[in-house]
Amino acid sequence: MFWNKLVMVVLALFIRAEQPPEPVTIREEIVIQQEIEISEPLEVKVSTTTEEVVDNIACYCSRFAKKNGVDIPNADAKDLKASSTPEIGGGILFEYGNTTEENHIAVIKAFLKEGFFVEEANKEPCKITTRVVKYNDFFIRGFINKK
């Protein structure tokens, strides 16, 4: 009986060792699967925490809008001026709350029966999301042209 259990344990360990390990995600950027020996040099990009945050476009609604074709300067959403009528690929400006600090911009992707279908960054902290904004949404403060 003892030997049967020992054989089963050894077989289980052997089978487990033959399977690749589960990937481990770190900060949704680096995936480590297993250690391997490398005979040739590899190019590796390493960034500091500060660079990651600054370069993470999902954390900046205005940078995301600009990268996606909205004709805006490098500025915060609160500093952007409305200049057009709504168009696909253009921007939609929002003002939430009573302060100018609570502004936001999203990119109009489509006109739906229910409202504007938009893609946006940082509506949810540091995430790129989509949603439908009703045409008569109280928080809309204007629109910006696409490039």
N, C-alpha and C. Protein backbone atom coordinates (compact mmCIF):
# COMPACT_ATOMS: atom_id res chain seq x y z
N MET A 1 0.82 -1.19 0.00
CA MET A 1 0.00 0.00 0.00
C MET A 1 0.87 1.25 0.00
N PHE A 2 1.89 1.24 0.85
CA PHE A 2 2.80 2.39 0.93
C PHE A 2 3.46 2.65 -0.43
N TRP A 3 3.91 1.56 -1.07
CA TRP A 3 4.60 1.72 -2.35
C TRP A 3 3.65 2.22 -3.44
N ASN A 4 2.41 1.78 -3.39
CA ASN A 4 1.43 2.26 -4.37
C ASN A 4 1.23 3.77 -4.24
N LYS A 5 1.12 4.25 -2.98
CA LYS A 5 0.96 5.69 -2.77
C LYS A 5 2.21 6.44 -3.21
N LEU A 6 3.38 5.89 -2.91
CA LEU A 6 4.63 6.54 -3.29
C LEU A 6 4.74 6.62 -4.81
N VAL A 7 4.39 5.55 -5.49
CA VAL A 7 4.43 5.55 -6.96
C VAL A 7 3.45 6.59 -7.51
N MET A 8 2.28 6.69 -6.93
CA MET A 8 1.28 7.66 -7.38
C MET A 8 1.78 9.09 -7.18
N VAL A 9 2.42 9.35 -6.05
CA VAL A 9 2.96 10.69 -5.78
C VAL A 9 4.06 11.02 -6.76
N VAL A 10 4.96 10.08 -6.99
CA VAL A 10 6.06 10.31 -7.94
C VAL A 10 5.51 10.53 -9.34
N LEU A 11 4.52 9.74 -9.74
CA LEU A 11 3.91 9.93 -11.06
C LEU A 11 3.23 11.29 -11.15
N ALA A 12 2.54 11.68 -10.12
CA ALA A 12 1.87 12.98 -10.12
C ALA A 12 2.88 14.11 -10.24
N LEU A 13 3.98 14.00 -9.52
CA LEU A 13 5.02 15.03 -9.61
C LEU A 13 5.66 15.05 -10.99
N PHE A 14 5.89 13.86 -11.56
CA PHE A 14 6.48 13.78 -12.89
C PHE A 14 5.55 14.40 -13.94
N ILE A 15 4.28 14.06 -13.88
CA ILE A 15 3.30 14.60 -14.83
C ILE A 15 3.20 16.11 -14.67
N ARG A 16 3.17 16.57 -13.43
CA ARG A 16 3.08 18.01 -13.17
C ARG A 16 4.31 18.73 -13.70
N ALA A 17 5.50 18.11 -13.56
CA ALA A 17 6.74 18.74 -14.02
C ALA A 17 6.77 18.84 -15.53
N GLU A 18 6.10 17.93 -16.25
CA GLU A 18 6.09 17.95 -17.70
C GLU A 18 5.17 19.03 -18.27
N GLN A 19 4.21 19.50 -17.50
CA GLN A 19 3.29 20.52 -17.96
C GLN A 19 3.89 21.89 -17.74
N PRO A 20 3.72 22.83 -18.70
CA PRO A 20 4.25 24.18 -18.48
C PRO A 20 3.54 24.85 -17.31
N PRO A 21 4.25 25.67 -16.58
CA PRO A 21 3.61 26.34 -15.44
C PRO A 21 2.57 27.33 -15.91
N GLU A 22 1.62 27.63 -15.05
CA GLU A 22 0.61 28.63 -15.34
C GLU A 22 1.28 30.00 -15.49
N PRO A 23 0.87 30.81 -16.49
CA PRO A 23 1.45 32.16 -16.61
C PRO A 23 1.12 33.02 -15.40
N VAL A 24 2.05 33.87 -15.04
CA VAL A 24 1.85 34.80 -13.94
C VAL A 24 1.89 36.20 -14.53
N THR A 25 0.83 36.99 -14.35
CA THR A 25 0.79 38.34 -14.89
C THR A 25 1.18 39.33 -13.82
N ILE A 26 2.10 40.22 -14.18
CA ILE A 26 2.54 41.27 -13.27
C ILE A 26 2.22 42.60 -13.92
N ARG A 27 1.36 43.39 -13.30
CA ARG A 27 0.96 44.71 -13.81
C ARG A 27 0.39 44.65 -15.21
N GLU A 28 -0.19 43.56 -15.60
CA GLU A 28 -0.81 43.38 -16.90
C GLU A 28 0.14 43.67 -18.06
N GLU A 29 1.47 43.58 -17.83
CA GLU A 29 2.42 43.86 -18.89
C GLU A 29 3.39 42.71 -19.11
N ILE A 30 3.87 42.09 -18.05
CA ILE A 30 4.92 41.08 -18.14
C ILE A 30 4.31 39.73 -17.78
N VAL A 31 4.54 38.75 -18.64
CA VAL A 31 4.05 37.41 -18.36
C VAL A 31 5.27 36.50 -18.20
N ILE A 32 5.37 35.86 -17.04
CA ILE A 32 6.47 34.95 -16.76
C ILE A 32 5.91 33.54 -16.79
N GLN A 33 6.47 32.69 -17.66
CA GLN A 33 5.97 31.33 -17.73
C GLN A 33 6.96 30.36 -17.10
N GLN A 34 8.22 30.47 -17.42
CA GLN A 34 9.21 29.60 -16.81
C GLN A 34 10.59 30.15 -17.10
N GLU A 35 11.56 29.72 -16.32
CA GLU A 35 12.94 30.13 -16.54
C GLU A 35 13.56 29.25 -17.61
N ILE A 36 14.35 29.87 -18.52
CA ILE A 36 15.04 29.09 -19.54
C ILE A 36 16.44 29.66 -19.68
N GLU A 37 17.38 28.85 -20.17
CA GLU A 37 18.72 29.33 -20.44
C GLU A 37 18.75 29.89 -21.85
N ILE A 38 19.44 31.03 -22.01
CA ILE A 38 19.49 31.70 -23.30
C ILE A 38 20.95 31.80 -23.73
N SER A 39 21.25 31.34 -24.95
CA SER A 39 22.63 31.38 -25.42
C SER A 39 22.94 32.68 -26.17
N GLU A 40 21.91 33.37 -26.67
CA GLU A 40 22.10 34.63 -27.38
C GLU A 40 21.58 35.78 -26.54
N PRO A 41 22.17 36.98 -26.69
CA PRO A 41 21.64 38.13 -25.93
C PRO A 41 20.26 38.53 -26.46
N LEU A 42 19.41 38.98 -25.57
CA LEU A 42 18.07 39.43 -25.92
C LEU A 42 17.94 40.91 -25.62
N GLU A 43 17.13 41.61 -26.41
CA GLU A 43 16.82 43.00 -26.09
C GLU A 43 15.65 43.00 -25.12
N VAL A 44 15.80 43.72 -24.04
CA VAL A 44 14.76 43.78 -23.03
C VAL A 44 14.49 45.24 -22.72
N LYS A 45 13.21 45.63 -22.77
CA LYS A 45 12.82 47.00 -22.42
C LYS A 45 12.37 47.01 -20.97
N VAL A 46 13.01 47.82 -20.18
CA VAL A 46 12.66 47.94 -18.77
C VAL A 46 12.25 49.38 -18.54
N SER A 47 11.11 49.59 -17.89
CA SER A 47 10.68 50.95 -17.60
C SER A 47 10.45 51.11 -16.11
N THR A 48 10.67 52.31 -15.65
CA THR A 48 10.44 52.58 -14.23
C THR A 48 8.97 52.81 -14.00
N THR A 49 8.56 52.79 -12.75
CA THR A 49 7.16 53.00 -12.39
C THR A 49 6.68 54.35 -12.89
N THR A 50 7.50 55.38 -12.77
CA THR A 50 7.11 56.71 -13.22
C THR A 50 6.82 56.72 -14.72
N GLU A 51 7.68 56.09 -15.51
CA GLU A 51 7.47 56.04 -16.95
C GLU A 51 6.21 55.27 -17.29
N GLU A 52 5.96 54.17 -16.59
CA GLU A 52 4.76 53.38 -16.87
C GLU A 52 3.50 54.21 -16.68
N VAL A 53 3.44 54.96 -15.61
CA VAL A 53 2.25 55.77 -15.33
C VAL A 53 2.11 56.87 -16.37
N VAL A 54 3.20 57.55 -16.71
CA VAL A 54 3.14 58.65 -17.67
C VAL A 54 2.77 58.13 -19.06
N ASP A 55 3.30 56.99 -19.44
CA ASP A 55 3.05 56.44 -20.76
C ASP A 55 1.74 55.68 -20.87
N ASN A 56 1.09 55.41 -19.76
CA ASN A 56 -0.15 54.64 -19.80
C ASN A 56 -1.30 55.53 -20.26
N ILE A 57 -1.59 55.48 -21.53
CA ILE A 57 -2.60 56.36 -22.13
C ILE A 57 -3.99 56.12 -21.53
N ALA A 58 -4.22 54.94 -20.97
CA ALA A 58 -5.52 54.65 -20.37
C ALA A 58 -5.80 55.52 -19.15
N CYS A 59 -4.78 56.17 -18.63
CA CYS A 59 -4.95 57.03 -17.44
C CYS A 59 -5.20 58.49 -17.80
N TYR A 60 -5.30 58.82 -19.09
CA TYR A 60 -5.44 60.21 -19.52
C TYR A 60 -6.47 60.30 -20.65
N CYS A 61 -7.64 60.83 -20.35
CA CYS A 61 -8.70 60.88 -21.36
C CYS A 61 -8.31 61.75 -22.56
N SER A 62 -7.66 62.89 -22.31
CA SER A 62 -7.33 63.79 -23.42
C SER A 62 -6.21 63.21 -24.31
N ARG A 63 -5.24 62.56 -23.73
CA ARG A 63 -4.18 61.92 -24.54
C ARG A 63 -4.77 60.79 -25.38
N PHE A 64 -5.69 60.04 -24.77
CA PHE A 64 -6.35 58.96 -25.50
C PHE A 64 -7.14 59.52 -26.69
N ALA A 65 -7.90 60.60 -26.45
CA ALA A 65 -8.71 61.20 -27.52
C ALA A 65 -7.81 61.71 -28.64
N LYS A 66 -6.72 62.37 -28.28
CA LYS A 66 -5.80 62.90 -29.30
C LYS A 66 -5.19 61.76 -30.11
N LYS A 67 -4.75 60.70 -29.44
CA LYS A 67 -4.16 59.55 -30.14
C LYS A 67 -5.18 58.89 -31.07
N ASN A 68 -6.45 59.01 -30.75
CA ASN A 68 -7.51 58.39 -31.55
C ASN A 68 -8.16 59.36 -32.54
N GLY A 69 -7.48 60.45 -32.87
CA GLY A 69 -7.90 61.29 -33.97
C GLY A 69 -8.65 62.55 -33.66
N VAL A 70 -8.84 62.88 -32.39
CA VAL A 70 -9.54 64.13 -32.05
C VAL A 70 -8.53 65.27 -32.13
N ASP A 71 -8.92 66.36 -32.77
CA ASP A 71 -8.03 67.50 -33.01
C ASP A 71 -7.95 68.39 -31.77
N ILE A 72 -7.07 68.03 -30.84
CA ILE A 72 -6.91 68.80 -29.60
C ILE A 72 -5.43 69.00 -29.30
N PRO A 73 -5.11 70.07 -28.56
CA PRO A 73 -3.73 70.26 -28.13
C PRO A 73 -3.43 69.33 -26.95
N ASN A 74 -2.17 69.31 -26.53
CA ASN A 74 -1.82 68.58 -25.32
C ASN A 74 -2.33 69.39 -24.14
N ALA A 75 -3.44 68.99 -23.58
CA ALA A 75 -4.07 69.75 -22.49
C ALA A 75 -5.00 68.83 -21.71
N ASP A 76 -5.36 69.26 -20.52
CA ASP A 76 -6.36 68.54 -19.74
C ASP A 76 -7.74 68.80 -20.33
N ALA A 77 -8.67 67.91 -20.08
CA ALA A 77 -10.03 68.05 -20.61
C ALA A 77 -10.67 69.36 -20.16
N LYS A 78 -10.37 69.84 -18.98
CA LYS A 78 -10.96 71.08 -18.46
C LYS A 78 -10.55 72.29 -19.29
N ASP A 79 -9.41 72.21 -19.99
CA ASP A 79 -8.90 73.33 -20.78
C ASP A 79 -9.33 73.29 -22.24
N LEU A 80 -10.05 72.28 -22.65
CA LEU A 80 -10.47 72.14 -24.05
C LEU A 80 -11.74 72.94 -24.31
N LYS A 81 -11.77 73.58 -25.47
CA LYS A 81 -12.92 74.41 -25.86
C LYS A 81 -13.74 73.67 -26.91
N ALA A 82 -15.05 73.67 -26.73
CA ALA A 82 -15.95 73.07 -27.70
C ALA A 82 -15.89 73.88 -28.99
N SER A 83 -15.90 73.17 -30.15
CA SER A 83 -15.71 73.88 -31.41
C SER A 83 -16.51 73.33 -32.58
N SER A 84 -17.37 72.37 -32.36
CA SER A 84 -18.03 71.78 -33.53
C SER A 84 -19.34 71.11 -33.14
N THR A 85 -19.92 70.48 -34.15
CA THR A 85 -21.09 69.63 -33.94
C THR A 85 -20.58 68.19 -33.83
N PRO A 86 -21.37 67.28 -33.31
CA PRO A 86 -20.88 65.90 -33.15
C PRO A 86 -20.60 65.23 -34.49
N GLU A 87 -19.51 64.44 -34.52
CA GLU A 87 -19.18 63.66 -35.70
C GLU A 87 -18.44 62.40 -35.25
N ILE A 88 -18.58 61.33 -36.04
CA ILE A 88 -17.87 60.10 -35.73
C ILE A 88 -16.38 60.37 -35.83
N GLY A 89 -15.64 59.99 -34.80
CA GLY A 89 -14.21 60.25 -34.74
C GLY A 89 -13.87 61.53 -34.01
N GLY A 90 -14.87 62.35 -33.74
CA GLY A 90 -14.66 63.58 -33.00
C GLY A 90 -14.76 63.33 -31.51
N GLY A 91 -14.58 64.41 -30.75
CA GLY A 91 -14.63 64.30 -29.30
C GLY A 91 -15.94 64.82 -28.73
N ILE A 92 -16.29 64.30 -27.59
CA ILE A 92 -17.45 64.78 -26.85
C ILE A 92 -16.95 65.18 -25.46
N LEU A 93 -17.21 66.42 -25.08
CA LEU A 93 -16.73 66.96 -23.80
C LEU A 93 -17.82 66.86 -22.74
N PHE A 94 -17.39 66.54 -21.53
CA PHE A 94 -18.30 66.44 -20.39
C PHE A 94 -17.80 67.31 -19.26
N GLU A 95 -18.75 67.83 -18.47
CA GLU A 95 -18.41 68.53 -17.24
C GLU A 95 -19.29 67.95 -16.14
N TYR A 96 -18.63 67.26 -15.21
CA TYR A 96 -19.33 66.64 -14.09
C TYR A 96 -19.12 67.49 -12.85
N GLY A 97 -20.13 67.66 -12.04
CA GLY A 97 -19.97 68.39 -10.79
C GLY A 97 -19.92 69.89 -10.97
N ASN A 98 -19.47 70.57 -9.93
CA ASN A 98 -19.48 72.04 -9.91
C ASN A 98 -18.12 72.67 -10.15
N THR A 99 -17.08 71.87 -10.40
CA THR A 99 -15.75 72.45 -10.58
C THR A 99 -15.23 72.13 -11.97
N THR A 100 -14.32 72.93 -12.45
CA THR A 100 -13.72 72.68 -13.76
C THR A 100 -12.77 71.49 -13.73
N GLU A 101 -12.43 71.03 -12.53
CA GLU A 101 -11.54 69.87 -12.40
C GLU A 101 -12.24 68.57 -12.79
N GLU A 102 -13.55 68.59 -12.84
CA GLU A 102 -14.31 67.37 -13.12
C GLU A 102 -14.78 67.33 -14.57
N ASN A 103 -13.82 67.42 -15.49
CA ASN A 103 -14.11 67.39 -16.93
C ASN A 103 -13.58 66.11 -17.53
N HIS A 104 -14.11 65.78 -18.73
CA HIS A 104 -13.76 64.51 -19.37
C HIS A 104 -13.97 64.66 -20.87
N ILE A 105 -13.23 63.87 -21.66
CA ILE A 105 -13.45 63.81 -23.11
C ILE A 105 -13.47 62.35 -23.52
N ALA A 106 -14.37 62.04 -24.47
CA ALA A 106 -14.47 60.69 -25.04
C ALA A 106 -14.50 60.83 -26.55
N VAL A 107 -14.25 59.72 -27.25
CA VAL A 107 -14.24 59.70 -28.71
C VAL A 107 -15.56 59.07 -29.18
N ILE A 108 -16.25 59.78 -30.08
CA ILE A 108 -17.51 59.27 -30.64
C ILE A 108 -17.18 58.23 -31.71
N LYS A 109 -17.68 57.02 -31.49
CA LYS A 109 -17.43 55.92 -32.43
C LYS A 109 -18.62 55.65 -33.34
N ALA A 110 -19.83 55.97 -32.86
CA ALA A 110 -21.02 55.72 -33.67
C ALA A 110 -22.20 56.49 -33.10
N PHE A 111 -23.19 56.74 -33.97
CA PHE A 111 -24.47 57.29 -33.54
C PHE A 111 -25.46 56.14 -33.50
N LEU A 112 -26.00 55.87 -32.35
CA LEU A 112 -26.98 54.80 -32.18
C LEU A 112 -28.35 55.41 -31.90
N LYS A 113 -29.36 54.61 -31.98
CA LYS A 113 -30.71 55.08 -31.67
C LYS A 113 -30.76 55.63 -30.24
N GLU A 114 -30.05 54.98 -29.31
CA GLU A 114 -30.09 55.35 -27.90
C GLU A 114 -29.20 56.53 -27.56
N GLY A 115 -28.18 56.80 -28.40
CA GLY A 115 -27.26 57.89 -28.10
C GLY A 115 -25.91 57.69 -28.78
N PHE A 116 -24.90 58.43 -28.30
CA PHE A 116 -23.55 58.33 -28.83
C PHE A 116 -22.89 57.08 -28.28
N PHE A 117 -22.28 56.27 -29.15
CA PHE A 117 -21.45 55.17 -28.68
C PHE A 117 -20.04 55.73 -28.60
N VAL A 118 -19.45 55.75 -27.41
CA VAL A 118 -18.15 56.38 -27.21
C VAL A 118 -17.13 55.38 -26.67
N GLU A 119 -15.86 55.67 -26.98
CA GLU A 119 -14.74 54.96 -26.38
C GLU A 119 -13.96 56.01 -25.61
N GLU A 120 -13.51 55.66 -24.40
CA GLU A 120 -12.89 56.66 -23.55
C GLU A 120 -11.85 56.03 -22.64
N ALA A 121 -10.95 56.87 -22.18
CA ALA A 121 -9.94 56.44 -21.22
C ALA A 121 -10.17 57.17 -19.91
N ASN A 122 -9.92 56.48 -18.84
CA ASN A 122 -9.92 57.04 -17.49
C ASN A 122 -11.29 57.46 -16.96
N LYS A 123 -12.36 57.04 -17.59
CA LYS A 123 -13.69 57.23 -16.96
C LYS A 123 -13.75 56.32 -15.74
N GLU A 124 -13.26 55.10 -15.93
CA GLU A 124 -12.93 54.22 -14.83
C GLU A 124 -11.41 54.32 -14.71
N PRO A 125 -10.87 54.53 -13.52
CA PRO A 125 -9.45 54.83 -13.38
C PRO A 125 -8.52 53.91 -14.18
N CYS A 126 -7.78 54.55 -15.08
CA CYS A 126 -6.74 53.89 -15.90
C CYS A 126 -7.26 52.70 -16.72
N LYS A 127 -8.49 52.80 -17.22
CA LYS A 127 -9.05 51.77 -18.09
C LYS A 127 -9.62 52.42 -19.34
N ILE A 128 -9.56 51.70 -20.45
CA ILE A 128 -10.20 52.13 -21.69
C ILE A 128 -11.52 51.37 -21.77
N THR A 129 -12.62 52.13 -21.87
CA THR A 129 -13.95 51.53 -21.84
C THR A 129 -14.82 52.11 -22.94
N THR A 130 -15.96 51.49 -23.17
CA THR A 130 -16.96 52.00 -24.10
C THR A 130 -18.29 52.11 -23.36
N ARG A 131 -19.15 52.96 -23.87
CA ARG A 131 -20.50 53.10 -23.30
C ARG A 131 -21.36 53.86 -24.28
N VAL A 132 -22.65 53.92 -24.00
CA VAL A 132 -23.59 54.72 -24.78
C VAL A 132 -23.98 55.92 -23.92
N VAL A 133 -23.82 57.12 -24.50
CA VAL A 133 -24.18 58.37 -23.82
C VAL A 133 -25.44 58.90 -24.51
N LYS A 134 -26.49 59.12 -23.76
CA LYS A 134 -27.74 59.62 -24.34
C LYS A 134 -27.49 60.98 -25.01
N TYR A 135 -28.22 61.23 -26.07
CA TYR A 135 -28.05 62.48 -26.81
C TYR A 135 -28.35 63.70 -25.95
N ASN A 136 -29.20 63.56 -24.98
CA ASN A 136 -29.55 64.71 -24.14
C ASN A 136 -28.89 64.63 -22.76
N ASP A 137 -27.76 63.94 -22.67
CA ASP A 137 -27.05 63.80 -21.39
C ASP A 137 -26.75 65.18 -20.81
N PHE A 138 -27.14 65.39 -19.58
CA PHE A 138 -27.01 66.67 -18.89
C PHE A 138 -25.56 67.14 -18.80
N PHE A 139 -24.60 66.21 -18.77
CA PHE A 139 -23.20 66.55 -18.54
C PHE A 139 -22.43 66.89 -19.81
N ILE A 140 -23.03 66.74 -21.00
CA ILE A 140 -22.35 67.11 -22.25
C ILE A 140 -22.18 68.62 -22.28
N ARG A 141 -20.94 69.07 -22.52
CA ARG A 141 -20.71 70.51 -22.62
C ARG A 141 -20.27 70.95 -24.01
N GLY A 142 -20.09 70.01 -24.93
CA GLY A 142 -19.74 70.36 -26.30
C GLY A 142 -19.05 69.26 -27.06
N PHE A 143 -18.57 69.61 -28.26
CA PHE A 143 -17.95 68.65 -29.16
C PHE A 143 -16.70 69.26 -29.78
N ILE A 144 -15.78 68.38 -30.23
CA ILE A 144 -14.54 68.81 -30.88
C ILE A 144 -14.37 68.00 -32.15
N ASN A 145 -13.87 68.63 -33.21
CA ASN A 145 -13.66 67.97 -34.50
C ASN A 145 -12.60 66.88 -34.44
N LYS A 146 -12.73 65.96 -35.39
CA LYS A 146 -11.63 65.00 -35.60
C LYS A 146 -10.58 65.67 -36.48
N LYS A 147 -9.42 65.09 -36.55
CA LYS A 147 -8.33 65.65 -37.37
C LYS A 147 -8.66 65.57 -38.85
